[in-house]
Amino acid sequence: MKSIWQQILRYLYIGKKDPSAPQGRYVSMMHGMNRISIIVFLIALIIMLVKLFTRHH
């Protein structure tokens, strides 16, 4: 069973590609959309953490 972390690393071009993965136009478009959503999520997470730690009471 594949790890979710391995899949995320593949989406972000950090991990090596799976040679048995299906190839095609729609699959690559799906991976591109997943890549964008992961990047936006990480940016939002970083912004929330910065706001949490720089809040003045």
PDB file of N, CA and C in Angstrom:
ATOM      1  N   MET A   1       0.837  -1.192   0.000  1.00  0.00           N
ATOM      2  CA  MET A   1       0.000   0.000   0.000  1.00  0.00           C
ATOM      3  C   MET A   1       0.878   1.251   0.000  1.00  0.00           C
ATOM      4  N   LYS A   2       0.537   2.195  -0.849  1.00  0.00           N
ATOM      5  CA  LYS A   2       1.335   3.415  -0.962  1.00  0.00           C
ATOM      6  C   LYS A   2       1.041   4.356   0.193  1.00  0.00           C
ATOM      7  N   SER A   3       2.067   5.041   0.582  1.00  0.00           N
ATOM      8  CA  SER A   3       1.924   6.017   1.650  1.00  0.00           C
ATOM      9  C   SER A   3       1.401   7.333   1.076  1.00  0.00           C
ATOM     10  N   ILE A   4       0.587   8.026   1.833  1.00  0.00           N
ATOM     11  CA  ILE A   4       0.076   9.322   1.400  1.00  0.00           C
ATOM     12  C   ILE A   4       1.215  10.312   1.257  1.00  0.00           C
ATOM     13  N   TRP A   5       2.250  10.176   2.096  1.00  0.00           N
ATOM     14  CA  TRP A   5       3.394  11.079   2.023  1.00  0.00           C
ATOM     15  C   TRP A   5       4.178  10.868   0.731  1.00  0.00           C
ATOM     16  N   GLN A   6       4.314   9.621   0.296  1.00  0.00           N
ATOM     17  CA  GLN A   6       4.996   9.351  -0.972  1.00  0.00           C
ATOM     18  C   GLN A   6       4.237   9.994  -2.124  1.00  0.00           C
ATOM     19  N   GLN A   7       2.919   9.919  -2.092  1.00  0.00           N
ATOM     20  CA  GLN A   7       2.108  10.514  -3.157  1.00  0.00           C
ATOM     21  C   GLN A   7       2.246  12.038  -3.163  1.00  0.00           C
ATOM     22  N   ILE A   8       2.246  12.645  -1.994  1.00  0.00           N
ATOM     23  CA  ILE A   8       2.408  14.103  -1.910  1.00  0.00           C
ATOM     24  C   ILE A   8       3.773  14.510  -2.446  1.00  0.00           C
ATOM     25  N   LEU A   9       4.815  13.775  -2.091  1.00  0.00           N
ATOM     26  CA  LEU A   9       6.149  14.094  -2.590  1.00  0.00           C
ATOM     27  C   LEU A   9       6.218  13.952  -4.101  1.00  0.00           C
ATOM     28  N   ARG A  10       5.510  12.971  -4.658  1.00  0.00           N
ATOM     29  CA  ARG A  10       5.475  12.819  -6.113  1.00  0.00           C
ATOM     30  C   ARG A  10       4.762  14.000  -6.761  1.00  0.00           C
ATOM     31  N   TYR A  11       3.671  14.464  -6.140  1.00  0.00           N
ATOM     32  CA  TYR A  11       2.942  15.609  -6.683  1.00  0.00           C
ATOM     33  C   TYR A  11       3.821  16.849  -6.714  1.00  0.00           C
ATOM     34  N   LEU A  12       4.666  17.004  -5.711  1.00  0.00           N
ATOM     35  CA  LEU A  12       5.509  18.191  -5.611  1.00  0.00           C
ATOM     36  C   LEU A  12       6.857  17.997  -6.295  1.00  0.00           C
ATOM     37  N   TYR A  13       7.003  16.955  -7.074  1.00  0.00           N
ATOM     38  CA  TYR A  13       8.232  16.643  -7.821  1.00  0.00           C
ATOM     39  C   TYR A  13       9.421  16.352  -6.919  1.00  0.00           C
ATOM     40  N   ILE A  14       9.191  15.977  -5.662  1.00  0.00           N
ATOM     41  CA  ILE A  14      10.293  15.669  -4.762  1.00  0.00           C
ATOM     42  C   ILE A  14      10.590  14.168  -4.806  1.00  0.00           C
ATOM     43  N   GLY A  15       9.549  13.361  -4.852  1.00  0.00           N
ATOM     44  CA  GLY A  15       9.729  11.917  -4.900  1.00  0.00           C
ATOM     45  C   GLY A  15       9.852  11.426  -6.326  1.00  0.00           C
ATOM     46  N   LYS A  16      10.366  10.209  -6.484  1.00  0.00           N
ATOM     47  CA  LYS A  16      10.509   9.655  -7.835  1.00  0.00           C
ATOM     48  C   LYS A  16       9.168   9.190  -8.373  1.00  0.00           C
ATOM     49  N   LYS A  17       9.022   9.227  -9.693  1.00  0.00           N
ATOM     50  CA  LYS A  17       7.766   8.852 -10.321  1.00  0.00           C
ATOM     51  C   LYS A  17       7.558   7.341 -10.264  1.00  0.00           C
ATOM     52  N   ASP A  18       6.310   6.955 -10.197  1.00  0.00           N
ATOM     53  CA  ASP A  18       5.938   5.545 -10.209  1.00  0.00           C
ATOM     54  C   ASP A  18       5.834   5.096 -11.666  1.00  0.00           C
ATOM     55  N   PRO A  19       6.682   4.152 -12.096  1.00  0.00           N
ATOM     56  CA  PRO A  19       6.638   3.742 -13.507  1.00  0.00           C
ATOM     57  C   PRO A  19       5.354   3.005 -13.881  1.00  0.00           C
ATOM     58  N   SER A  20       4.656   2.436 -12.919  1.00  0.00           N
ATOM     59  CA  SER A  20       3.427   1.707 -13.219  1.00  0.00           C
ATOM     60  C   SER A  20       2.181   2.591 -13.158  1.00  0.00           C
ATOM     61  N   ALA A  21       2.371   3.874 -12.883  1.00  0.00           N
ATOM     62  CA  ALA A  21       1.231   4.794 -12.810  1.00  0.00           C
ATOM     63  C   ALA A  21       0.667   5.022 -14.206  1.00  0.00           C
ATOM     64  N   PRO A  22      -0.650   5.176 -14.309  1.00  0.00           N
ATOM     65  CA  PRO A  22      -1.251   5.407 -15.632  1.00  0.00           C
ATOM     66  C   PRO A  22      -0.835   6.758 -16.196  1.00  0.00           C
ATOM     67  N   GLN A  23      -0.654   6.791 -17.499  1.00  0.00           N
ATOM     68  CA  GLN A  23      -0.271   8.027 -18.184  1.00  0.00           C
ATOM     69  C   GLN A  23      -1.450   8.495 -19.025  1.00  0.00           C
ATOM     70  N   GLY A  24      -1.569   9.769 -19.203  1.00  0.00           N
ATOM     71  CA  GLY A  24      -2.647  10.308 -20.022  1.00  0.00           C
ATOM     72  C   GLY A  24      -2.852  11.770 -19.734  1.00  0.00           C
ATOM     73  N   ARG A  25      -3.590  12.393 -20.637  1.00  0.00           N
ATOM     74  CA  ARG A  25      -3.820  13.831 -20.521  1.00  0.00           C
ATOM     75  C   ARG A  25      -4.632  14.165 -19.273  1.00  0.00           C
ATOM     76  N   TYR A  26      -5.692  13.417 -19.028  1.00  0.00           N
ATOM     77  CA  TYR A  26      -6.565  13.729 -17.897  1.00  0.00           C
ATOM     78  C   TYR A  26      -5.913  13.386 -16.566  1.00  0.00           C
ATOM     79  N   VAL A  27      -5.111  12.336 -16.553  1.00  0.00           N
ATOM     80  CA  VAL A  27      -4.396  11.982 -15.323  1.00  0.00           C
ATOM     81  C   VAL A  27      -3.388  13.072 -14.976  1.00  0.00           C
ATOM     82  N   SER A  28      -2.668  13.573 -15.997  1.00  0.00           N
ATOM     83  CA  SER A  28      -1.688  14.617 -15.717  1.00  0.00           C
ATOM     84  C   SER A  28      -2.378  15.918 -15.297  1.00  0.00           C
ATOM     85  N   MET A  29      -3.550  16.207 -15.865  1.00  0.00           N
ATOM     86  CA  MET A  29      -4.298  17.395 -15.437  1.00  0.00           C
ATOM     87  C   MET A  29      -4.769  17.238 -13.996  1.00  0.00           C
ATOM     88  N   MET A  30      -5.198  16.035 -13.631  1.00  0.00           N
ATOM     89  CA  MET A  30      -5.629  15.782 -12.257  1.00  0.00           C
ATOM     90  C   MET A  30      -4.458  15.968 -11.290  1.00  0.00           C
ATOM     91  N   HIS A  31      -3.285  15.450 -11.670  1.00  0.00           N
ATOM     92  CA  HIS A  31      -2.116  15.618 -10.813  1.00  0.00           C
ATOM     93  C   HIS A  31      -1.744  17.094 -10.687  1.00  0.00           C
ATOM     94  N   GLY A  32      -1.883  17.844 -11.756  1.00  0.00           N
ATOM     95  CA  GLY A  32      -1.601  19.275 -11.699  1.00  0.00           C
ATOM     96  C   GLY A  32      -2.539  20.003 -10.753  1.00  0.00           C
ATOM     97  N   MET A  33      -3.821  19.659 -10.800  1.00  0.00           N
ATOM     98  CA  MET A  33      -4.789  20.289  -9.888  1.00  0.00           C
ATOM     99  C   MET A  33      -4.506  19.890  -8.437  1.00  0.00           C
ATOM    100  N   ASN A  34      -4.146  18.629  -8.226  1.00  0.00           N
ATOM    101  CA  ASN A  34      -3.800  18.189  -6.874  1.00  0.00           C
ATOM    102  C   ASN A  34      -2.565  18.926  -6.366  1.00  0.00           C
ATOM    103  N   ARG A  35      -1.593  19.116  -7.250  1.00  0.00           N
ATOM    104  CA  ARG A  35      -0.367  19.826  -6.886  1.00  0.00           C
ATOM    105  C   ARG A  35      -0.697  21.262  -6.467  1.00  0.00           C
ATOM    106  N   ILE A  36      -1.551  21.920  -7.226  1.00  0.00           N
ATOM    107  CA  ILE A  36      -1.935  23.297  -6.904  1.00  0.00           C
ATOM    108  C   ILE A  36      -2.659  23.354  -5.560  1.00  0.00           C
ATOM    109  N   SER A  37      -3.568  22.419  -5.320  1.00  0.00           N
ATOM    110  CA  SER A  37      -4.321  22.450  -4.062  1.00  0.00           C
ATOM    111  C   SER A  37      -3.420  22.169  -2.866  1.00  0.00           C
ATOM    112  N   ILE A  38      -2.433  21.292  -3.010  1.00  0.00           N
ATOM    113  CA  ILE A  38      -1.499  21.024  -1.909  1.00  0.00           C
ATOM    114  C   ILE A  38      -0.668  22.259  -1.618  1.00  0.00           C
ATOM    115  N   ILE A  39      -0.193  22.940  -2.662  1.00  0.00           N
ATOM    116  CA  ILE A  39       0.624  24.137  -2.475  1.00  0.00           C
ATOM    117  C   ILE A  39      -0.185  25.243  -1.805  1.00  0.00           C
ATOM    118  N   VAL A  40      -1.430  25.447  -2.247  1.00  0.00           N
ATOM    119  CA  VAL A  40      -2.285  26.472  -1.635  1.00  0.00           C
ATOM    120  C   VAL A  40      -2.570  26.130  -0.172  1.00  0.00           C
ATOM    121  N   PHE A  41      -2.807  24.853   0.118  1.00  0.00           N
ATOM    122  CA  PHE A  41      -3.043  24.428   1.496  1.00  0.00           C
ATOM    123  C   PHE A  41      -1.823  24.705   2.362  1.00  0.00           C
ATOM    124  N   LEU A  42      -0.624  24.379   1.861  1.00  0.00           N
ATOM    125  CA  LEU A  42       0.588  24.617   2.646  1.00  0.00           C
ATOM    126  C   LEU A  42       0.818  26.103   2.873  1.00  0.00           C
ATOM    127  N   ILE A  43       0.546  26.923   1.873  1.00  0.00           N
ATOM    128  CA  ILE A  43       0.691  28.373   2.043  1.00  0.00           C
ATOM    129  C   ILE A  43      -0.282  28.883   3.104  1.00  0.00           C
ATOM    130  N   ALA A  44      -1.533  28.417   3.052  1.00  0.00           N
ATOM    131  CA  ALA A  44      -2.530  28.838   4.046  1.00  0.00           C
ATOM    132  C   ALA A  44      -2.131  28.376   5.448  1.00  0.00           C
ATOM    133  N   LEU A  45      -1.583  27.177   5.547  1.00  0.00           N
ATOM    134  CA  LEU A  45      -1.144  26.657   6.847  1.00  0.00           C
ATOM    135  C   LEU A  45      -0.007  27.501   7.405  1.00  0.00           C
ATOM    136  N   ILE A  46       0.927  27.887   6.557  1.00  0.00           N
ATOM    137  CA  ILE A  46       2.044  28.730   6.999  1.00  0.00           C
ATOM    138  C   ILE A  46       1.537  30.090   7.453  1.00  0.00           C
ATOM    139  N   ILE A  47       0.599  30.670   6.698  1.00  0.00           N
ATOM    140  CA  ILE A  47       0.041  31.976   7.077  1.00  0.00           C
ATOM    141  C   ILE A  47      -0.672  31.885   8.422  1.00  0.00           C
ATOM    142  N   MET A  48      -1.443  30.819   8.624  1.00  0.00           N
ATOM    143  CA  MET A  48      -2.149  30.660   9.905  1.00  0.00           C
ATOM    144  C   MET A  48      -1.176  30.504  11.063  1.00  0.00           C
ATOM    145  N   LEU A  49      -0.099  29.745  10.851  1.00  0.00           N
ATOM    146  CA  LEU A  49       0.890  29.567  11.924  1.00  0.00           C
ATOM    147  C   LEU A  49       1.621  30.869  12.229  1.00  0.00           C
ATOM    148  N   VAL A  50       1.944  31.637  11.197  1.00  0.00           N
ATOM    149  CA  VAL A  50       2.603  32.933  11.419  1.00  0.00           C
ATOM    150  C   VAL A  50       1.683  33.855  12.200  1.00  0.00           C
ATOM    151  N   LYS A  51       0.409  33.906  11.833  1.00  0.00           N
ATOM    152  CA  LYS A  51      -0.537  34.756  12.559  1.00  0.00           C
ATOM    153  C   LYS A  51      -0.714  34.293  13.998  1.00  0.00           C
ATOM    154  N   LEU A  52      -0.696  32.988  14.214  1.00  0.00           N
ATOM    155  CA  LEU A  52      -0.860  32.451  15.565  1.00  0.00           C
ATOM    156  C   LEU A  52       0.305  32.851  16.451  1.00  0.00           C
ATOM    157  N   PHE A  53       1.528  32.773  15.926  1.00  0.00           N
ATOM    158  CA  PHE A  53       2.702  33.027  16.737  1.00  0.00           C
ATOM    159  C   PHE A  53       3.083  34.507  16.819  1.00  0.00           C
ATOM    160  N   THR A  54       2.514  35.337  15.944  1.00  0.00           N
ATOM    161  CA  THR A  54       2.859  36.763  16.010  1.00  0.00           C
ATOM    162  C   THR A  54       1.721  37.607  16.566  1.00  0.00           C
ATOM    163  N   ARG A  55       0.709  36.956  17.113  1.00  0.00           N
ATOM    164  CA  ARG A  55      -0.424  37.686  17.683  1.00  0.00           C
ATOM    165  C   ARG A  55      -0.016  38.350  18.989  1.00  0.00           C
ATOM    166  N   HIS A  56      -0.395  39.603  19.134  1.00  0.00           N
ATOM    167  CA  HIS A  56      -0.084  40.345  20.372  1.00  0.00           C
ATOM    168  C   HIS A  56      -1.310  40.355  21.260  1.00  0.00           C
ATOM    169  N   HIS A  57      -1.108  40.080  22.520  1.00  0.00           N
ATOM    170  CA  HIS A  57      -2.222  40.044  23.470  1.00  0.00           C
ATOM    171  C   HIS A  57      -2.402  41.380  24.129  1.00  0.00           C
TER     172      HIS A  57
END
